[in-house]
Protein backbone atom coordinates (compact mmCIF):
# COMPACT_ATOMS: atom_id res chain seq x y z
CA MET A 1 -38.07 -16.88 50.77
CA GLY A 2 -41.51 -19.18 51.06
CA ASP A 3 -43.86 -20.48 48.39
CA GLU A 4 -46.38 -17.42 48.99
CA SER A 5 -43.90 -14.80 48.87
CA ILE A 6 -42.16 -15.95 45.64
CA ALA A 7 -45.90 -16.23 44.05
CA LYS A 8 -46.70 -12.56 45.27
CA LYS A 9 -43.18 -11.09 43.99
CA PHE A 10 -43.51 -12.84 40.75
CA GLY A 11 -47.29 -11.50 40.29
CA SER A 12 -46.19 -7.90 40.97
CA HIS A 13 -43.11 -8.09 38.62
CA LEU A 14 -45.55 -9.78 35.93
CA LYS A 15 -48.04 -6.72 36.34
CA SER A 16 -45.54 -4.02 36.06
CA LEU A 17 -44.14 -5.96 33.17
CA ARG A 18 -47.57 -6.38 31.23
CA GLU A 19 -48.38 -2.41 32.46
CA SER A 20 -45.25 -1.09 31.13
CA LYS A 21 -46.13 -2.57 27.64
CA GLY A 22 -49.56 -1.20 27.87
CA MET A 23 -51.47 -4.33 28.00
CA SER A 24 -54.50 -5.44 29.78
CA GLN A 25 -54.71 -8.90 31.38
CA GLU A 26 -57.23 -9.28 28.54
CA LYS A 27 -54.54 -8.72 25.53
CA LEU A 28 -52.06 -10.53 27.51
CA GLY A 29 -54.37 -13.52 27.61
CA LEU A 30 -55.16 -13.72 24.11
CA ILE A 31 -51.33 -12.96 22.77
CA SER A 32 -50.19 -15.54 25.12
CA ASP A 33 -52.95 -18.23 24.92
CA LEU A 34 -53.58 -17.73 28.66
CA HIS A 35 -56.76 -17.41 30.02
CA PRO A 36 -56.81 -13.51 31.68
CA THR A 37 -58.48 -14.97 34.94
CA TYR A 38 -55.50 -17.24 35.18
CA ILE A 39 -52.97 -13.88 34.49
CA SER A 40 -54.84 -12.22 37.17
CA LEU A 41 -54.54 -14.94 39.95
CA LEU A 42 -50.64 -15.27 38.67
CA GLU A 43 -50.30 -11.47 39.27
CA ARG A 44 -52.16 -11.52 42.24
CA GLY A 45 -49.68 -14.36 43.97
CA ILE A 46 -52.47 -16.93 43.94
CA ASN A 47 -51.02 -19.16 41.15
CA GLN A 48 -47.41 -20.48 40.29
CA PRO A 49 -46.72 -20.40 36.61
CA SER A 50 -45.50 -23.65 35.05
CA LEU A 51 -42.60 -23.24 32.71
CA THR A 52 -44.74 -23.50 29.56
CA SER A 53 -46.73 -20.37 30.90
CA LEU A 54 -43.69 -18.35 31.85
CA ILE A 55 -42.38 -18.96 28.23
CA ALA A 56 -45.54 -18.06 26.71
CA LEU A 57 -45.71 -14.78 28.76
CA ALA A 58 -41.82 -13.76 27.61
CA LYS A 59 -42.62 -14.00 24.20
CA SER A 60 -46.05 -12.29 24.74
CA LEU A 61 -44.41 -9.48 26.43
CA ASN A 62 -41.61 -9.59 23.99
CA ILE A 63 -39.08 -9.97 26.56
CA LYS A 64 -36.54 -12.76 27.37
CA LEU A 65 -37.49 -15.14 29.94
CA ILE A 66 -34.51 -14.33 32.33
CA GLU A 67 -36.24 -10.36 32.27
CA LEU A 68 -39.24 -12.43 33.52
CA LEU A 69 -37.56 -13.70 36.35
CA GLN A 70 -35.74 -10.55 37.22
CA PRO A 71 -36.63 -10.54 40.67
CA PHE A 72 -35.18 -13.55 41.76
CA ASN A 73 -31.66 -12.87 40.35
């Protein structure tokens, strides 16, 4: 699996999780202390998250880190 398809798969999953929690990108950004533009880039598969960002996103979505990485299990 190439880096681009990994990023797109992660981004699609992140967007699905965010929407299932009823959050906008702005709200997730505020809670996670990540810029909404960065979240948009993640969701579109343009950027790949750091470990620090993954942890912040999981905490903000109130899920376990493994749930955020579910598409790759």
